[in-house]
C-alpha atoms as a PDB file:
ATOM      1  CA  GLY A   1      99.195 100.058  89.961  1.00  0.00           C
ATOM      2  CA  THR A   2     100.988 101.448  92.960  1.00  0.00           C
ATOM      3  CA  PHE A   3     100.681  99.779  96.323  1.00  0.00           C
ATOM      4  CA  LYS A   4     101.816 101.164  99.672  1.00  0.00           C
ATOM      5  CA  LEU A   5     101.324  99.645 103.124  1.00  0.00           C
ATOM      6  CA  SER A   6     101.946 102.369 105.667  1.00  0.00           C
ATOM      7  CA  GLY A   7     101.388 102.723 109.394  1.00  0.00           C
ATOM      8  CA  ILE A   8     103.712  99.885 110.376  1.00  0.00           C
ATOM      9  CA  GLN A   9     105.330 100.514 113.753  1.00  0.00           C
ATOM     10  CA  PRO A  10     109.164 100.690 113.777  1.00  0.00           C
ATOM     11  CA  ALA A  11     110.692  97.335 114.753  1.00  0.00           C
ATOM     12  CA  PRO A  12     113.991  95.474 114.324  1.00  0.00           C
ATOM     13  CA  ARG A  13     114.613  94.015 110.898  1.00  0.00           C
ATOM     14  CA  GLY A  14     112.775  90.763 110.310  1.00  0.00           C
ATOM     15  CA  THR A  15     110.251  91.386 113.100  1.00  0.00           C
ATOM     16  CA  PRO A  16     107.241  92.763 111.168  1.00  0.00           C
ATOM     17  CA  GLN A  17     105.252  89.923 109.622  1.00  0.00           C
ATOM     18  CA  ILE A  18     103.385  90.983 106.486  1.00  0.00           C
ATOM     19  CA  THR A  19     100.972  88.655 104.721  1.00  0.00           C
ATOM     20  CA  VAL A  20     100.410  89.387 101.044  1.00  0.00           C
ATOM     21  CA  SER A  21      97.771  87.693  98.928  1.00  0.00           C
ATOM     22  CA  PHE A  22      97.116  87.896  95.203  1.00  0.00           C
ATOM     23  CA  THR A  23      93.735  86.957  93.783  1.00  0.00           C
ATOM     24  CA  ILE A  24      92.672  86.909  90.140  1.00  0.00           C
ATOM     25  CA  ASP A  25      88.981  86.447  89.474  1.00  0.00           C
ATOM     26  CA  VAL A  26      87.326  85.090  86.326  1.00  0.00           C
ATOM     27  CA  ASP A  27      87.001  88.599  84.902  1.00  0.00           C
ATOM     28  CA  GLY A  28      90.776  89.135  85.056  1.00  0.00           C
ATOM     29  CA  ILE A  29      90.656  91.509  88.022  1.00  0.00           C
ATOM     30  CA  LEU A  30      93.774  91.236  90.192  1.00  0.00           C
ATOM     31  CA  THR A  31      93.348  92.024  93.878  1.00  0.00           C
ATOM     32  CA  VAL A  32      96.439  92.474  96.038  1.00  0.00           C
ATOM     33  CA  LYS A  33      95.923  92.576  99.808  1.00  0.00           C
ATOM     34  CA  ALA A  34      98.626  93.081 102.449  1.00  0.00           C
ATOM     35  CA  THR A  35      98.181  92.831 106.217  1.00  0.00           C
ATOM     36  CA  GLU A  36     100.773  93.550 108.912  1.00  0.00           C
ATOM     37  CA  GLY A  37     100.375  91.016 111.729  1.00  0.00           C
ATOM     38  CA  SER A  38     100.903  92.922 114.980  1.00  0.00           C
ATOM     39  CA  SER A  39      98.973  96.103 114.160  1.00  0.00           C
ATOM     40  CA  GLY A  40      96.474  94.608 111.740  1.00  0.00           C
ATOM     41  CA  THR A  41      97.204  97.382 109.223  1.00  0.00           C
ATOM     42  CA  THR A  42      95.703  96.365 105.894  1.00  0.00           C
ATOM     43  CA  ASN A  43      95.742  97.784 102.389  1.00  0.00           C
ATOM     44  CA  GLU A  44      94.186  96.497  99.206  1.00  0.00           C
ATOM     45  CA  LEU A  45      94.652  97.275  95.526  1.00  0.00           C
ATOM     46  CA  GLU A  46      92.471  96.216  92.618  1.00  0.00           C
ATOM     47  CA  ILE A  47      93.793  96.170  89.065  1.00  0.00           C
ATOM     48  CA  LYS A  48      91.347  95.682  86.219  1.00  0.00           C
ATOM     49  CA  ASP A  49      92.659  94.332  82.941  1.00  0.00           C
ATOM     50  CA  SER A  50      91.708  96.628  80.104  1.00  0.00           C
ATOM     51  CA  THR A  51      92.111  93.861  77.528  1.00  0.00           C
ATOM     52  CA  LYS A  52      90.366  90.508  77.644  1.00  0.00           C
ATOM     53  CA  ARG A  53      92.748  87.540  77.409  1.00  0.00           C
ATOM     54  CA  SER A  54      91.997  84.586  75.164  1.00  0.00           C
ATOM     55  CA  ASP A  55      91.830  81.081  76.610  1.00  0.00           C
ATOM     56  CA  ASP A  56      95.129  80.279  74.836  1.00  0.00           C
ATOM     57  CA  ASP A  57      96.819  83.292  76.446  1.00  0.00           C
ATOM     58  CA  ILE A  58      95.556  82.251  79.877  1.00  0.00           C
ATOM     59  CA  ARG A  59      96.720  78.649  79.339  1.00  0.00           C
ATOM     60  CA  ARG A  60     100.160  79.880  78.214  1.00  0.00           C
ATOM     61  CA  MET A  61     100.448  82.176  81.240  1.00  0.00           C
ATOM     62  CA  ILE A  62      99.593  79.308  83.591  1.00  0.00           C
ATOM     63  CA  GLU A  63     102.184  77.065  81.918  1.00  0.00           C
ATOM     64  CA  GLU A  64     104.835  79.790  82.238  1.00  0.00           C
ATOM     65  CA  ALA A  65     103.975  80.298  85.905  1.00  0.00           C
ATOM     66  CA  ASN A  66     104.309  76.554  86.548  1.00  0.00           C
ATOM     67  CA  GLU A  67     107.590  76.473  84.620  1.00  0.00           C
ATOM     68  CA  PHE A  68     109.121  79.158  86.827  1.00  0.00           C
ATOM     69  CA  ALA A  69     107.633  77.927  90.121  1.00  0.00           C
ATOM     70  CA  ASP A  70     110.819  76.050  91.115  1.00  0.00           C
ATOM     71  CA  GLN A  71     112.979  79.097  90.428  1.00  0.00           C
ATOM     72  CA  ASP A  72     110.600  81.217  92.471  1.00  0.00           C
ATOM     73  CA  GLN A  73     110.822  78.779  95.388  1.00  0.00           C
ATOM     74  CA  GLU A  74     114.648  78.867  95.233  1.00  0.00           C
ATOM     75  CA  LYS A  75     114.612  82.669  95.255  1.00  0.00           C
ATOM     76  CA  LYS A  76     112.178  82.658  98.173  1.00  0.00           C
ATOM     77  CA  ALA A  77     114.412  80.240 100.097  1.00  0.00           C
ATOM     78  CA  LEU A  78     117.443  82.470  99.477  1.00  0.00           C
ATOM     79  CA  VAL A  79     115.604  85.607 100.612  1.00  0.00           C
ATOM     80  CA  THR A  80     114.323  83.864 103.754  1.00  0.00           C
ATOM     81  CA  LEU A  81     117.805  82.550 104.509  1.00  0.00           C
ATOM     82  CA  LYS A  82     119.331  86.019 104.012  1.00  0.00           C
ATOM     83  CA  ILE A  83     116.809  87.618 106.367  1.00  0.00           C
ATOM     84  CA  ASP A  84     117.531  84.974 108.996  1.00  0.00           C
ATOM     85  CA  ALA A  85     121.298  85.413 108.574  1.00  0.00           C
ATOM     86  CA  GLU A  86     121.050  89.188 108.879  1.00  0.00           C
ATOM     87  CA  ALA A  87     119.020  88.762 112.084  1.00  0.00           C
ATOM     88  CA  VAL A  88     121.710  86.481 113.554  1.00  0.00           C
ATOM     89  CA  ILE A  89     124.419  89.013 112.604  1.00  0.00           C
ATOM     90  CA  TYR A  90     122.392  91.773 114.260  1.00  0.00           C
ATOM     91  CA  GLU A  91     121.951  89.648 117.408  1.00  0.00           C
ATOM     92  CA  ALA A  92     125.672  88.834 117.562  1.00  0.00           C
ATOM     93  CA  GLN A  93     126.745  92.443 117.069  1.00  0.00           C
ATOM     94  CA  ALA A  94     124.249  93.623 119.682  1.00  0.00           C
ATOM     95  CA  LYS A  95     125.533  91.092 122.226  1.00  0.00           C
ATOM     96  CA  LEU A  96     129.140  92.127 121.648  1.00  0.00           C
ATOM     97  CA  GLN A  97     128.388  95.876 121.729  1.00  0.00           C
ATOM     98  CA  GLU A  98     125.982  95.896 124.675  1.00  0.00           C
ATOM     99  CA  GLY A  99     128.453  94.355 127.061  1.00  0.00           C
ATOM    100  CA  ASP A 100     127.147  90.806 126.763  1.00  0.00           C
ATOM    101  CA  GLY A 101     130.569  90.042 125.313  1.00  0.00           C
ATOM    102  CA  GLY A 102     131.731  89.536 128.912  1.00  0.00           C
ATOM    103  CA  ALA A 103     129.789  86.287 128.905  1.00  0.00           C
ATOM    104  CA  TYR A 104     132.239  84.906 126.308  1.00  0.00           C
ATOM    105  CA  GLU A 105     135.884  83.856 126.401  1.00  0.00           C
ATOM    106  CA  GLU A 106     138.231  86.109 124.408  1.00  0.00           C
ATOM    107  CA  THR A 107     138.795  83.330 121.866  1.00  0.00           C
ATOM    108  CA  THR A 108     135.027  82.921 121.455  1.00  0.00           C
ATOM    109  CA  ILE A 109     134.609  86.684 120.925  1.00  0.00           C
ATOM    110  CA  SER A 110     137.261  86.520 118.211  1.00  0.00           C
ATOM    111  CA  GLN A 111     135.544  83.519 116.632  1.00  0.00           C
ATOM    112  CA  ILE A 112     132.188  85.353 116.723  1.00  0.00           C
ATOM    113  CA  ARG A 113     133.709  88.366 114.947  1.00  0.00           C
ATOM    114  CA  ASP A 114     135.300  86.085 112.335  1.00  0.00           C
ATOM    115  CA  ALA A 115     131.990  84.224 111.872  1.00  0.00           C
ATOM    116  CA  ILE A 116     130.168  87.548 111.370  1.00  0.00           C
ATOM    117  CA  GLN A 117     132.662  88.525 108.649  1.00  0.00           C
ATOM    118  CA  ALA A 118     132.392  85.126 106.968  1.00  0.00           C
ATOM    119  CA  LEU A 119     128.593  85.295 107.009  1.00  0.00           C
ATOM    120  CA  GLN A 120     128.584  88.829 105.598  1.00  0.00           C
ATOM    121  CA  ALA A 121     130.889  87.683 102.784  1.00  0.00           C
ATOM    122  CA  ALA A 122     128.586  84.727 102.044  1.00  0.00           C
ATOM    123  CA  LEU A 123     125.610  87.117 101.965  1.00  0.00           C
ATOM    124  CA  ASN A 124     127.420  89.366  99.505  1.00  0.00           C
ATOM    125  CA  ARG A 125     128.031  86.363  97.222  1.00  0.00           C
ATOM    126  CA  SER A 126     124.443  85.052  97.709  1.00  0.00           C
ATOM    127  CA  GLU A 127     125.763  81.505  98.192  1.00  0.00           C
ATOM    128  CA  LEU A 128     122.909  79.482  99.676  1.00  0.00           C
ATOM    129  CA  GLU A 129     124.893  76.671 101.294  1.00  0.00           C
ATOM    130  CA  SER A 130     127.624  78.995 102.549  1.00  0.00           C
ATOM    131  CA  ILE A 131     125.030  81.304 104.133  1.00  0.00           C
ATOM    132  CA  ARG A 132     123.328  78.321 105.772  1.00  0.00           C
ATOM    133  CA  SER A 133     126.625  76.950 107.117  1.00  0.00           C
ATOM    134  CA  CYS A 134     127.951  80.300 108.358  1.00  0.00           C
ATOM    135  CA  THR A 135     124.628  81.116 110.055  1.00  0.00           C
ATOM    136  CA  GLN A 136     124.683  77.791 111.875  1.00  0.00           C
ATOM    137  CA  THR A 137     128.300  78.349 112.972  1.00  0.00           C
ATOM    138  CA  LEU A 138     127.507  81.824 114.308  1.00  0.00           C
ATOM    139  CA  ARG A 139     124.424  80.545 116.161  1.00  0.00           C
ATOM    140  CA  GLN A 140     126.516  77.823 117.812  1.00  0.00           C
ATOM    141  CA  LEU A 141     129.142  80.345 118.887  1.00  0.00           C
ATOM    142  CA  LEU A 142     126.465  82.570 120.412  1.00  0.00           C
ATOM    143  CA  THR A 143     125.294  79.689 122.619  1.00  0.00           C
ATOM    144  CA  GLN A 144     128.776  79.209 124.091  1.00  0.00           C
ATOM    145  CA  THR A 145     129.225  81.130 127.342  1.00  0.00           C
ATOM    146  CA  ARG A 146     132.071  81.575 129.792  1.00  0.00           C
ATOM    147  CA  SER A 147     132.237  78.647 132.209  1.00  0.00           C
END
């Protein structure tokens, strides 16, 4: 099936909060429902299975889902971390471009720019620990202001 959630108001990256739920009933009907938090925009899709699954098939599918659950959680953690890192980069660039850079020492501005580059490189490599470390470093630099 095709699923589209439209009518979401434009907002900075990472701001819209969309809740997605997947439900499979005993008849094998999959229902996908998505709701955007601030506007309440909701869409739902129902997919009916044209073939009935045997109990063995269902058991095997559940076992496979459990087997890959850890990998799914790792991927989810990486995606969440990337979104957070991109938001911190956006915040840092906005502060430097909008004149808030005057609140920082020249050395701190240079360190912020270097930290942005390091974080972008870590994002490109998808290195979990490096992204986490670089994000933390950039956040700390953003809290330092001119005395």
